[in-house]
């Protein structure tokens, strides 16, 4: 999932960070093409509250499980240094790495709960 998400980010489909994560997990979470397309506006710091789009997409996939969402958000911040796009850029944390990290943490959460 991690490599798929990274390849999707600015790949052939020209997906942004949020779309790349959603697309990588599309089969596992039954994410529709319309949903992926609708998140075109969630990249580049435009996700709700300025949240990293990759993290925002991963959180959206586990939104029905607040415990998972909290753990995902906390681990992302621990590893990346922040959850807000603007701050991540200021820290020099590349978008492609945010995509990989969000996908990695989501996959880890799913493995532990399987």
PDB file of N, CA and C in Angstrom:
ATOM      1  N   UNK A   1       0.815  -1.197   0.000  1.00  0.00           N
ATOM      2  CA  UNK A   1       0.000   0.000   0.000  1.00  0.00           C
ATOM      3  C   UNK A   1       0.862   1.266   0.000  1.00  0.00           C
ATOM      4  N   UNK A   2       1.963   1.215   0.735  1.00  0.00           N
ATOM      5  CA  UNK A   2       2.824   2.392   0.849  1.00  0.00           C
ATOM      6  C   UNK A   2       3.396   2.772  -0.511  1.00  0.00           C
ATOM      7  N   UNK A   3       3.967   1.799  -1.204  1.00  0.00           N
ATOM      8  CA  UNK A   3       4.557   2.092  -2.517  1.00  0.00           C
ATOM      9  C   UNK A   3       3.486   2.484  -3.526  1.00  0.00           C
ATOM     10  N   UNK A   4       2.330   1.854  -3.439  1.00  0.00           N
ATOM     11  CA  UNK A   4       1.225   2.218  -4.335  1.00  0.00           C
ATOM     12  C   UNK A   4       0.843   3.671  -4.120  1.00  0.00           C
ATOM     13  N   UNK A   5       0.709   4.066  -2.874  1.00  0.00           N
ATOM     14  CA  UNK A   5       0.339   5.453  -2.567  1.00  0.00           C
ATOM     15  C   UNK A   5       1.395   6.420  -3.094  1.00  0.00           C
ATOM     16  N   UNK A   6       2.666   6.096  -2.873  1.00  0.00           N
ATOM     17  CA  UNK A   6       3.742   6.976  -3.340  1.00  0.00           C
ATOM     18  C   UNK A   6       3.753   7.086  -4.865  1.00  0.00           C
ATOM     19  N   UNK A   7       3.491   5.967  -5.543  1.00  0.00           N
ATOM     20  CA  UNK A   7       3.462   5.987  -7.015  1.00  0.00           C
ATOM     21  C   UNK A   7       2.289   6.800  -7.540  1.00  0.00           C
ATOM     22  N   UNK A   8       1.178   6.737  -6.845  1.00  0.00           N
ATOM     23  CA  UNK A   8      -0.020   7.470  -7.270  1.00  0.00           C
ATOM     24  C   UNK A   8       0.151   8.980  -7.101  1.00  0.00           C
ATOM     25  N   UNK A   9       0.960   9.375  -6.119  1.00  0.00           N
ATOM     26  CA  UNK A   9       1.168  10.797  -5.850  1.00  0.00           C
ATOM     27  C   UNK A   9       1.917  11.432  -7.017  1.00  0.00           C
ATOM     28  N   UNK A  10       1.248  12.317  -7.693  1.00  0.00           N
ATOM     29  CA  UNK A  10       1.778  13.006  -8.876  1.00  0.00           C
ATOM     30  C   UNK A  10       2.239  12.032  -9.955  1.00  0.00           C
ATOM     31  N   UNK A  11       1.650  10.835  -9.965  1.00  0.00           N
ATOM     32  CA  UNK A  11       1.962   9.832 -10.978  1.00  0.00           C
ATOM     33  C   UNK A  11       1.115  10.039 -12.217  1.00  0.00           C
ATOM     34  N   UNK A  12       0.841   8.959 -12.894  1.00  0.00           N
ATOM     35  CA  UNK A  12       0.083   9.004 -14.147  1.00  0.00           C
ATOM     36  C   UNK A  12      -1.264   9.703 -13.997  1.00  0.00           C
ATOM     37  N   UNK A  13      -1.950   9.437 -12.887  1.00  0.00           N
ATOM     38  CA  UNK A  13      -3.268  10.041 -12.662  1.00  0.00           C
ATOM     39  C   UNK A  13      -3.179  11.483 -12.163  1.00  0.00           C
ATOM     40  N   UNK A  14      -1.975  11.911 -11.782  1.00  0.00           N
ATOM     41  CA  UNK A  14      -1.752  13.266 -11.249  1.00  0.00           C
ATOM     42  C   UNK A  14      -2.513  13.498  -9.937  1.00  0.00           C
ATOM     43  N   UNK A  15      -2.556  12.477  -9.102  1.00  0.00           N
ATOM     44  CA  UNK A  15      -3.251  12.589  -7.825  1.00  0.00           C
ATOM     45  C   UNK A  15      -2.456  13.435  -6.840  1.00  0.00           C
ATOM     46  N   UNK A  16      -3.195  14.196  -6.029  1.00  0.00           N
ATOM     47  CA  UNK A  16      -2.549  14.913  -4.933  1.00  0.00           C
ATOM     48  C   UNK A  16      -2.368  13.933  -3.770  1.00  0.00           C
ATOM     49  N   UNK A  17      -1.887  14.439  -2.653  1.00  0.00           N
ATOM     50  CA  UNK A  17      -1.588  13.587  -1.501  1.00  0.00           C
ATOM     51  C   UNK A  17      -2.812  12.827  -0.984  1.00  0.00           C
ATOM     52  N   UNK A  18      -3.921  13.515  -0.833  1.00  0.00           N
ATOM     53  CA  UNK A  18      -5.142  12.878  -0.327  1.00  0.00           C
ATOM     54  C   UNK A  18      -5.646  11.821  -1.308  1.00  0.00           C
ATOM     55  N   UNK A  19      -5.672  12.158  -2.576  1.00  0.00           N
ATOM     56  CA  UNK A  19      -6.145  11.226  -3.594  1.00  0.00           C
ATOM     57  C   UNK A  19      -5.252   9.989  -3.678  1.00  0.00           C
ATOM     58  N   UNK A  20      -3.950  10.170  -3.511  1.00  0.00           N
ATOM     59  CA  UNK A  20      -3.017   9.047  -3.582  1.00  0.00           C
ATOM     60  C   UNK A  20      -3.297   8.034  -2.472  1.00  0.00           C
ATOM     61  N   UNK A  21      -3.536   8.519  -1.266  1.00  0.00           N
ATOM     62  CA  UNK A  21      -3.837   7.618  -0.144  1.00  0.00           C
ATOM     63  C   UNK A  21      -5.182   6.927  -0.367  1.00  0.00           C
ATOM     64  N   UNK A  22      -6.189   7.683  -0.753  1.00  0.00           N
ATOM     65  CA  UNK A  22      -7.505   7.087  -1.002  1.00  0.00           C
ATOM     66  C   UNK A  22      -7.428   6.025  -2.092  1.00  0.00           C
ATOM     67  N   UNK A  23      -6.694   6.314  -3.151  1.00  0.00           N
ATOM     68  CA  UNK A  23      -6.581   5.378  -4.263  1.00  0.00           C
ATOM     69  C   UNK A  23      -5.853   4.098  -3.857  1.00  0.00           C
ATOM     70  N   UNK A  24      -4.819   4.231  -3.048  1.00  0.00           N
ATOM     71  CA  UNK A  24      -4.058   3.061  -2.606  1.00  0.00           C
ATOM     72  C   UNK A  24      -4.908   2.110  -1.764  1.00  0.00           C
ATOM     73  N   UNK A  25      -5.882   2.656  -1.052  1.00  0.00           N
ATOM     74  CA  UNK A  25      -6.733   1.842  -0.173  1.00  0.00           C
ATOM     75  C   UNK A  25      -8.136   1.646  -0.742  1.00  0.00           C
ATOM     76  N   UNK A  26      -8.313   1.949  -2.019  1.00  0.00           N
ATOM     77  CA  UNK A  26      -9.647   1.920  -2.627  1.00  0.00           C
ATOM     78  C   UNK A  26     -10.329   0.564  -2.498  1.00  0.00           C
ATOM     79  N   UNK A  27      -9.619  -0.529  -2.694  1.00  0.00           N
ATOM     80  CA  UNK A  27     -10.243  -1.849  -2.618  1.00  0.00           C
ATOM     81  C   UNK A  27     -10.583  -2.229  -1.179  1.00  0.00           C
ATOM     82  N   UNK A  28      -9.679  -1.971  -0.273  1.00  0.00           N
ATOM     83  CA  UNK A  28      -9.895  -2.339   1.138  1.00  0.00           C
ATOM     84  C   UNK A  28     -11.085  -1.601   1.747  1.00  0.00           C
ATOM     85  N   UNK A  29     -11.259  -0.335   1.374  1.00  0.00           N
ATOM     86  CA  UNK A  29     -12.316   0.485   1.961  1.00  0.00           C
ATOM     87  C   UNK A  29     -13.441   0.819   0.986  1.00  0.00           C
ATOM     88  N   UNK A  30     -13.454   0.188  -0.163  1.00  0.00           N
ATOM     89  CA  UNK A  30     -14.489   0.436  -1.183  1.00  0.00           C
ATOM     90  C   UNK A  30     -14.620   1.932  -1.493  1.00  0.00           C
ATOM     91  N   UNK A  31     -13.483   2.560  -1.773  1.00  0.00           N
ATOM     92  CA  UNK A  31     -13.458   3.987  -2.104  1.00  0.00           C
ATOM     93  C   UNK A  31     -13.807   4.137  -3.580  1.00  0.00           C
ATOM     94  N   UNK A  32     -14.812   4.921  -3.860  1.00  0.00           N
ATOM     95  CA  UNK A  32     -15.251   5.103  -5.249  1.00  0.00           C
ATOM     96  C   UNK A  32     -14.351   6.081  -5.994  1.00  0.00           C
ATOM     97  N   UNK A  33     -14.380   5.981  -7.303  1.00  0.00           N
ATOM     98  CA  UNK A  33     -13.632   6.918  -8.145  1.00  0.00           C
ATOM     99  C   UNK A  33     -14.133   8.339  -7.919  1.00  0.00           C
ATOM    100  N   UNK A  34     -15.441   8.494  -7.727  1.00  0.00           N
ATOM    101  CA  UNK A  34     -16.007   9.822  -7.457  1.00  0.00           C
ATOM    102  C   UNK A  34     -15.455  10.407  -6.161  1.00  0.00           C
ATOM    103  N   UNK A  35     -15.299   9.568  -5.157  1.00  0.00           N
ATOM    104  CA  UNK A  35     -14.733  10.026  -3.882  1.00  0.00           C
ATOM    105  C   UNK A  35     -13.297  10.499  -4.090  1.00  0.00           C
ATOM    106  N   UNK A  36     -12.528   9.715  -4.821  1.00  0.00           N
ATOM    107  CA  UNK A  36     -11.135  10.090  -5.085  1.00  0.00           C
ATOM    108  C   UNK A  36     -11.089  11.416  -5.832  1.00  0.00           C
ATOM    109  N   UNK A  37     -11.903  11.548  -6.861  1.00  0.00           N
ATOM    110  CA  UNK A  37     -11.934  12.789  -7.645  1.00  0.00           C
ATOM    111  C   UNK A  37     -12.358  13.977  -6.790  1.00  0.00           C
ATOM    112  N   UNK A  38     -13.308  13.758  -5.886  1.00  0.00           N
ATOM    113  CA  UNK A  38     -13.815  14.864  -5.064  1.00  0.00           C
ATOM    114  C   UNK A  38     -12.764  15.407  -4.097  1.00  0.00           C
ATOM    115  N   UNK A  39     -11.724  14.640  -3.846  1.00  0.00           N
ATOM    116  CA  UNK A  39     -10.668  15.099  -2.934  1.00  0.00           C
ATOM    117  C   UNK A  39      -9.535  15.813  -3.671  1.00  0.00           C
ATOM    118  N   UNK A  40      -9.808  16.204  -4.887  1.00  0.00           N
ATOM    119  CA  UNK A  40      -8.850  17.006  -5.650  1.00  0.00           C
ATOM    120  C   UNK A  40      -8.540  18.304  -4.896  1.00  0.00           C
ATOM    121  N   UNK A  41      -9.498  18.767  -4.115  1.00  0.00           N
ATOM    122  CA  UNK A  41      -9.320  20.020  -3.369  1.00  0.00           C
ATOM    123  C   UNK A  41      -8.745  19.806  -1.965  1.00  0.00           C
ATOM    124  N   UNK A  42      -8.339  18.588  -1.640  1.00  0.00           N
ATOM    125  CA  UNK A  42      -7.820  18.311  -0.292  1.00  0.00           C
ATOM    126  C   UNK A  42      -6.298  18.290  -0.223  1.00  0.00           C
ATOM    127  N   UNK A  43      -5.637  18.598  -1.311  1.00  0.00           N
ATOM    128  CA  UNK A  43      -4.175  18.614  -1.321  1.00  0.00           C
ATOM    129  C   UNK A  43      -3.638  20.024  -1.152  1.00  0.00           C
ATOM    130  N   UNK A  44      -2.345  20.127  -1.010  1.00  0.00           N
ATOM    131  CA  UNK A  44      -1.692  21.433  -0.952  1.00  0.00           C
ATOM    132  C   UNK A  44      -2.092  22.300   0.221  1.00  0.00           C
ATOM    133  N   UNK A  45      -2.383  21.671   1.351  1.00  0.00           N
ATOM    134  CA  UNK A  45      -2.739  22.437   2.542  1.00  0.00           C
ATOM    135  C   UNK A  45      -4.188  22.874   2.597  1.00  0.00           C
ATOM    136  N   UNK A  46      -5.008  22.356   1.671  1.00  0.00           N
ATOM    137  CA  UNK A  46      -6.411  22.777   1.621  1.00  0.00           C
ATOM    138  C   UNK A  46      -7.369  21.803   2.298  1.00  0.00           C
ATOM    139  N   UNK A  47      -6.840  20.755   2.918  1.00  0.00           N
ATOM    140  CA  UNK A  47      -7.711  19.846   3.667  1.00  0.00           C
ATOM    141  C   UNK A  47      -8.234  20.595   4.893  1.00  0.00           C
ATOM    142  N   UNK A  48      -9.277  20.070   5.464  1.00  0.00           N
ATOM    143  CA  UNK A  48      -9.927  20.715   6.610  1.00  0.00           C
ATOM    144  C   UNK A  48      -8.915  21.101   7.689  1.00  0.00           C
ATOM    145  N   UNK A  49      -8.963  22.353   8.098  1.00  0.00           N
ATOM    146  CA  UNK A  49      -8.099  22.845   9.164  1.00  0.00           C
ATOM    147  C   UNK A  49      -6.630  22.952   8.795  1.00  0.00           C
ATOM    148  N   UNK A  50      -6.320  22.844   7.506  1.00  0.00           N
ATOM    149  CA  UNK A  50      -4.922  22.902   7.082  1.00  0.00           C
ATOM    150  C   UNK A  50      -4.166  21.604   7.315  1.00  0.00           C
ATOM    151  N   UNK A  51      -4.906  20.557   7.660  1.00  0.00           N
ATOM    152  CA  UNK A  51      -4.301  19.248   7.910  1.00  0.00           C
ATOM    153  C   UNK A  51      -3.618  18.732   6.649  1.00  0.00           C
ATOM    154  N   UNK A  52      -2.542  18.001   6.831  1.00  0.00           N
ATOM    155  CA  UNK A  52      -1.881  17.329   5.712  1.00  0.00           C
ATOM    156  C   UNK A  52      -2.932  16.497   4.981  1.00  0.00           C
ATOM    157  N   UNK A  53      -3.007  16.635   3.669  1.00  0.00           N
ATOM    158  CA  UNK A  53      -4.015  15.925   2.885  1.00  0.00           C
ATOM    159  C   UNK A  53      -3.902  14.416   2.977  1.00  0.00           C
ATOM    160  N   UNK A  54      -2.679  13.902   3.025  1.00  0.00           N
ATOM    161  CA  UNK A  54      -2.478  12.458   3.133  1.00  0.00           C
ATOM    162  C   UNK A  54      -3.032  11.950   4.464  1.00  0.00           C
ATOM    163  N   UNK A  55      -2.735  12.666   5.528  1.00  0.00           N
ATOM    164  CA  UNK A  55      -3.261  12.301   6.847  1.00  0.00           C
ATOM    165  C   UNK A  55      -4.777  12.438   6.867  1.00  0.00           C
ATOM    166  N   UNK A  56      -5.276  13.511   6.306  1.00  0.00           N
ATOM    167  CA  UNK A  56      -6.720  13.758   6.247  1.00  0.00           C
ATOM    168  C   UNK A  56      -7.437  12.590   5.571  1.00  0.00           C
ATOM    169  N   UNK A  57      -6.898  12.115   4.458  1.00  0.00           N
ATOM    170  CA  UNK A  57      -7.511  10.994   3.737  1.00  0.00           C
ATOM    171  C   UNK A  57      -7.479   9.721   4.580  1.00  0.00           C
ATOM    172  N   UNK A  58      -6.347   9.453   5.215  1.00  0.00           N
ATOM    173  CA  UNK A  58      -6.236   8.259   6.054  1.00  0.00           C
ATOM    174  C   UNK A  58      -7.222   8.326   7.220  1.00  0.00           C
ATOM    175  N   UNK A  59      -7.347   9.500   7.819  1.00  0.00           N
ATOM    176  CA  UNK A  59      -8.298   9.672   8.924  1.00  0.00           C
ATOM    177  C   UNK A  59      -9.729   9.479   8.456  1.00  0.00           C
ATOM    178  N   UNK A  60     -10.012   9.925   7.254  1.00  0.00           N
ATOM    179  CA  UNK A  60     -11.352   9.763   6.704  1.00  0.00           C
ATOM    180  C   UNK A  60     -11.712   8.275   6.588  1.00  0.00           C
ATOM    181  N   UNK A  61     -10.732   7.454   6.252  1.00  0.00           N
ATOM    182  CA  UNK A  61     -10.983   6.027   6.079  1.00  0.00           C
ATOM    183  C   UNK A  61     -11.262   5.311   7.397  1.00  0.00           C
ATOM    184  N   UNK A  62     -10.816   5.875   8.503  1.00  0.00           N
ATOM    185  CA  UNK A  62     -11.055   5.247   9.813  1.00  0.00           C
ATOM    186  C   UNK A  62     -11.944   6.110  10.707  1.00  0.00           C
ATOM    187  N   UNK A  63     -12.669   7.034  10.110  1.00  0.00           N
ATOM    188  CA  UNK A  63     -13.461   7.981  10.896  1.00  0.00           C
ATOM    189  C   UNK A  63     -14.524   7.319  11.773  1.00  0.00           C
ATOM    190  N   UNK A  64     -14.930   6.111  11.422  1.00  0.00           N
ATOM    191  CA  UNK A  64     -15.931   5.413  12.239  1.00  0.00           C
ATOM    192  C   UNK A  64     -15.310   4.747  13.470  1.00  0.00           C
ATOM    193  N   UNK A  65     -13.997   4.875  13.619  1.00  0.00           N
ATOM    194  CA  UNK A  65     -13.300   4.302  14.769  1.00  0.00           C
ATOM    195  C   UNK A  65     -12.406   5.383  15.391  1.00  0.00           C
ATOM    196  N   UNK A  66     -12.960   6.158  16.327  1.00  0.00           N
ATOM    197  CA  UNK A  66     -12.213   7.274  16.920  1.00  0.00           C
ATOM    198  C   UNK A  66     -10.881   6.867  17.549  1.00  0.00           C
ATOM    199  N   UNK A  67     -10.817   5.687  18.108  1.00  0.00           N
ATOM    200  CA  UNK A  67      -9.571   5.221  18.728  1.00  0.00           C
ATOM    201  C   UNK A  67      -8.475   5.058  17.668  1.00  0.00           C
ATOM    202  N   UNK A  68      -8.827   4.443  16.549  1.00  0.00           N
ATOM    203  CA  UNK A  68      -7.868   4.291  15.449  1.00  0.00           C
ATOM    204  C   UNK A  68      -7.452   5.648  14.903  1.00  0.00           C
ATOM    205  N   UNK A  69      -8.420   6.529  14.735  1.00  0.00           N
ATOM    206  CA  UNK A  69      -8.135   7.856  14.183  1.00  0.00           C
ATOM    207  C   UNK A  69      -7.177   8.620  15.091  1.00  0.00           C
ATOM    208  N   UNK A  70      -7.415   8.555  16.386  1.00  0.00           N
ATOM    209  CA  UNK A  70      -6.546   9.257  17.336  1.00  0.00           C
ATOM    210  C   UNK A  70      -5.132   8.689  17.308  1.00  0.00           C
ATOM    211  N   UNK A  71      -5.043   7.370  17.279  1.00  0.00           N
ATOM    212  CA  UNK A  71      -3.737   6.712  17.244  1.00  0.00           C
ATOM    213  C   UNK A  71      -2.988   7.071  15.957  1.00  0.00           C
ATOM    214  N   UNK A  72      -3.689   7.051  14.847  1.00  0.00           N
ATOM    215  CA  UNK A  72      -3.096   7.394  13.555  1.00  0.00           C
ATOM    216  C   UNK A  72      -2.561   8.822  13.565  1.00  0.00           C
ATOM    217  N   UNK A  73      -3.355   9.737  14.047  1.00  0.00           N
ATOM    218  CA  UNK A  73      -2.972  11.145  14.101  1.00  0.00           C
ATOM    219  C   UNK A  73      -1.768  11.351  15.022  1.00  0.00           C
ATOM    220  N   UNK A  74      -1.794  10.724  16.167  1.00  0.00           N
ATOM    221  CA  UNK A  74      -0.706  10.852  17.143  1.00  0.00           C
ATOM    222  C   UNK A  74       0.606  10.290  16.578  1.00  0.00           C
ATOM    223  N   UNK A  75       0.549   9.126  15.960  1.00  0.00           N
ATOM    224  CA  UNK A  75       1.758   8.499  15.397  1.00  0.00           C
ATOM    225  C   UNK A  75       2.301   9.306  14.228  1.00  0.00           C
ATOM    226  N   UNK A  76       1.403   9.857  13.418  1.00  0.00           N
ATOM    227  CA  UNK A  76       1.836  10.689  12.293  1.00  0.00           C
ATOM    228  C   UNK A  76       2.602  11.899  12.822  1.00  0.00           C
ATOM    229  N   UNK A  77       2.044  12.544  13.828  1.00  0.00           N
ATOM    230  CA  UNK A  77       2.700  13.729  14.393  1.00  0.00           C
ATOM    231  C   UNK A  77       4.045  13.375  15.022  1.00  0.00           C
ATOM    232  N   UNK A  78       4.117  12.240  15.697  1.00  0.00           N
ATOM    233  CA  UNK A  78       5.378  11.814  16.310  1.00  0.00           C
ATOM    234  C   UNK A  78       6.465  11.614  15.255  1.00  0.00           C
ATOM    235  N   UNK A  79       6.093  11.005  14.144  1.00  0.00           N
ATOM    236  CA  UNK A  79       7.085  10.684  13.111  1.00  0.00           C
ATOM    237  C   UNK A  79       7.396  11.856  12.185  1.00  0.00           C
ATOM    238  N   UNK A  80       6.399  12.662  11.862  1.00  0.00           N
ATOM    239  CA  UNK A  80       6.593  13.750  10.896  1.00  0.00           C
ATOM    240  C   UNK A  80       6.906  15.084  11.564  1.00  0.00           C
ATOM    241  N   UNK A  81       6.490  15.246  12.809  1.00  0.00           N
ATOM    242  CA  UNK A  81       6.749  16.496  13.509  1.00  0.00           C
ATOM    243  C   UNK A  81       5.560  17.429  13.593  1.00  0.00           C
ATOM    244  N   UNK A  82       4.535  17.177  12.817  1.00  0.00           N
ATOM    245  CA  UNK A  82       3.332  18.017  12.842  1.00  0.00           C
ATOM    246  C   UNK A  82       2.246  17.327  12.026  1.00  0.00           C
ATOM    247  N   UNK A  83       1.017  17.848  12.106  1.00  0.00           N
ATOM    248  CA  UNK A  83      -0.088  17.316  11.301  1.00  0.00           C
ATOM    249  C   UNK A  83      -0.578  18.317  10.261  1.00  0.00           C
ATOM    250  N   UNK A  84      -0.141  19.548  10.363  1.00  0.00           N
ATOM    251  CA  UNK A  84      -0.578  20.606   9.438  1.00  0.00           C
ATOM    252  C   UNK A  84       0.383  20.698   8.257  1.00  0.00           C
ATOM    253  N   UNK A  85      -0.171  20.808   7.072  1.00  0.00           N
ATOM    254  CA  UNK A  85       0.616  20.866   5.846  1.00  0.00           C
ATOM    255  C   UNK A  85       1.659  21.980   5.886  1.00  0.00           C
ATOM    256  N   UNK A  86       1.241  23.150   6.225  1.00  0.00           N
ATOM    257  CA  UNK A  86       2.153  24.304   6.227  1.00  0.00           C
ATOM    258  C   UNK A  86       3.355  24.062   7.145  1.00  0.00           C
ATOM    259  N   UNK A  87       3.095  23.501   8.318  1.00  0.00           N
ATOM    260  CA  UNK A  87       4.178  23.247   9.274  1.00  0.00           C
ATOM    261  C   UNK A  87       5.090  22.124   8.799  1.00  0.00           C
ATOM    262  N   UNK A  88       4.507  21.113   8.169  1.00  0.00           N
ATOM    263  CA  UNK A  88       5.319  20.018   7.633  1.00  0.00           C
ATOM    264  C   UNK A  88       6.271  20.537   6.561  1.00  0.00           C
ATOM    265  N   UNK A  89       5.763  21.425   5.721  1.00  0.00           N
ATOM    266  CA  UNK A  89       6.616  22.025   4.685  1.00  0.00           C
ATOM    267  C   UNK A  89       7.713  22.867   5.324  1.00  0.00           C
ATOM    268  N   UNK A  90       7.361  23.609   6.358  1.00  0.00           N
ATOM    269  CA  UNK A  90       8.342  24.435   7.062  1.00  0.00           C
ATOM    270  C   UNK A  90       9.439  23.567   7.683  1.00  0.00           C
ATOM    271  N   UNK A  91       9.047  22.386   8.167  1.00  0.00           N
ATOM    272  CA  UNK A  91      10.006  21.455   8.766  1.00  0.00           C
ATOM    273  C   UNK A  91      10.832  20.711   7.712  1.00  0.00           C
ATOM    274  N   UNK A  92      10.464  20.859   6.445  1.00  0.00           N
ATOM    275  CA  UNK A  92      11.178  20.177   5.370  1.00  0.00           C
ATOM    276  C   UNK A  92      10.757  18.733   5.172  1.00  0.00           C
ATOM    277  N   UNK A  93       9.565  18.378   5.639  1.00  0.00           N
ATOM    278  CA  UNK A  93       9.062  17.013   5.477  1.00  0.00           C
ATOM    279  C   UNK A  93       8.332  16.948   4.133  1.00  0.00           C
ATOM    280  N   UNK A  94       8.877  16.235   3.147  1.00  0.00           N
ATOM    281  CA  UNK A  94       8.315  16.234   1.793  1.00  0.00           C
ATOM    282  C   UNK A  94       6.917  15.610   1.706  1.00  0.00           C
ATOM    283  N   UNK A  95       6.123  16.127   0.810  1.00  0.00           N
ATOM    284  CA  UNK A  95       4.760  15.628   0.607  1.00  0.00           C
ATOM    285  C   UNK A  95       4.752  14.136   0.284  1.00  0.00           C
ATOM    286  N   UNK A  96       5.664  13.702  -0.564  1.00  0.00           N
ATOM    287  CA  UNK A  96       5.730  12.283  -0.931  1.00  0.00           C
ATOM    288  C   UNK A  96       5.947  11.413   0.306  1.00  0.00           C
ATOM    289  N   UNK A  97       6.743  11.899   1.236  1.00  0.00           N
ATOM    290  CA  UNK A  97       6.979  11.156   2.475  1.00  0.00           C
ATOM    291  C   UNK A  97       5.744  11.176   3.374  1.00  0.00           C
ATOM    292  N   UNK A  98       4.991  12.255   3.345  1.00  0.00           N
ATOM    293  CA  UNK A  98       3.724  12.315   4.091  1.00  0.00           C
ATOM    294  C   UNK A  98       2.759  11.266   3.563  1.00  0.00           C
ATOM    295  N   UNK A  99       2.704  11.139   2.250  1.00  0.00           N
ATOM    296  CA  UNK A  99       1.842  10.133   1.618  1.00  0.00           C
ATOM    297  C   UNK A  99       2.265   8.740   2.075  1.00  0.00           C
ATOM    298  N   UNK A 100       3.552   8.462   2.007  1.00  0.00           N
ATOM    299  CA  UNK A 100       4.059   7.160   2.428  1.00  0.00           C
ATOM    300  C   UNK A 100       3.814   6.886   3.898  1.00  0.00           C
ATOM    301  N   UNK A 101       4.020   7.893   4.727  1.00  0.00           N
ATOM    302  CA  UNK A 101       3.825   7.725   6.167  1.00  0.00           C
ATOM    303  C   UNK A 101       2.359   7.478   6.503  1.00  0.00           C
ATOM    304  N   UNK A 102       1.468   8.247   5.924  1.00  0.00           N
ATOM    305  CA  UNK A 102       0.037   8.051   6.187  1.00  0.00           C
ATOM    306  C   UNK A 102      -0.397   6.649   5.764  1.00  0.00           C
ATOM    307  N   UNK A 103       0.066   6.203   4.604  1.00  0.00           N
ATOM    308  CA  UNK A 103      -0.281   4.862   4.119  1.00  0.00           C
ATOM    309  C   UNK A 103       0.321   3.783   5.015  1.00  0.00           C
ATOM    310  N   UNK A 104       1.557   3.979   5.418  1.00  0.00           N
ATOM    311  CA  UNK A 104       2.233   3.017   6.292  1.00  0.00           C
ATOM    312  C   UNK A 104       1.509   2.874   7.630  1.00  0.00           C
ATOM    313  N   UNK A 105       1.184   3.988   8.241  1.00  0.00           N
ATOM    314  CA  UNK A 105       0.518   3.953   9.547  1.00  0.00           C
ATOM    315  C   UNK A 105      -0.876   3.348   9.451  1.00  0.00           C
ATOM    316  N   UNK A 106      -1.584   3.663   8.384  1.00  0.00           N
ATOM    317  CA  UNK A 106      -2.916   3.089   8.187  1.00  0.00           C
ATOM    318  C   UNK A 106      -2.815   1.578   7.987  1.00  0.00           C
ATOM    319  N   UNK A 107      -1.867   1.137   7.180  1.00  0.00           N
ATOM    320  CA  UNK A 107      -1.676  -0.299   6.955  1.00  0.00           C
ATOM    321  C   UNK A 107      -1.295  -1.009   8.252  1.00  0.00           C
ATOM    322  N   UNK A 108      -0.430  -0.392   9.054  1.00  0.00           N
ATOM    323  CA  UNK A 108      -0.041  -0.974  10.346  1.00  0.00           C
ATOM    324  C   UNK A 108      -1.243  -1.107  11.274  1.00  0.00           C
ATOM    325  N   UNK A 109      -2.063  -0.079  11.327  1.00  0.00           N
ATOM    326  CA  UNK A 109      -3.269  -0.126  12.167  1.00  0.00           C
ATOM    327  C   UNK A 109      -4.178  -1.266  11.745  1.00  0.00           C
ATOM    328  N   UNK A 110      -4.321  -1.433  10.450  1.00  0.00           N
ATOM    329  CA  UNK A 110      -5.201  -2.480   9.933  1.00  0.00           C
ATOM    330  C   UNK A 110      -4.647  -3.867  10.239  1.00  0.00           C
ATOM    331  N   UNK A 111      -3.331  -4.026  10.169  1.00  0.00           N
ATOM    332  CA  UNK A 111      -2.720  -5.322  10.473  1.00  0.00           C
ATOM    333  C   UNK A 111      -2.914  -5.687  11.937  1.00  0.00           C
ATOM    334  N   UNK A 112      -2.745  -4.712  12.815  1.00  0.00           N
ATOM    335  CA  UNK A 112      -2.875  -4.965  14.251  1.00  0.00           C
ATOM    336  C   UNK A 112      -4.307  -5.299  14.644  1.00  0.00           C
ATOM    337  N   UNK A 113      -5.256  -4.804  13.868  1.00  0.00           N
ATOM    338  CA  UNK A 113      -6.665  -5.019  14.201  1.00  0.00           C
ATOM    339  C   UNK A 113      -7.273  -6.191  13.440  1.00  0.00           C
ATOM    340  N   UNK A 114      -6.492  -6.803  12.574  1.00  0.00           N
ATOM    341  CA  UNK A 114      -7.025  -7.903  11.750  1.00  0.00           C
ATOM    342  C   UNK A 114      -7.097  -9.191  12.528  1.00  0.00           C
TER     343      UNK A 114
END
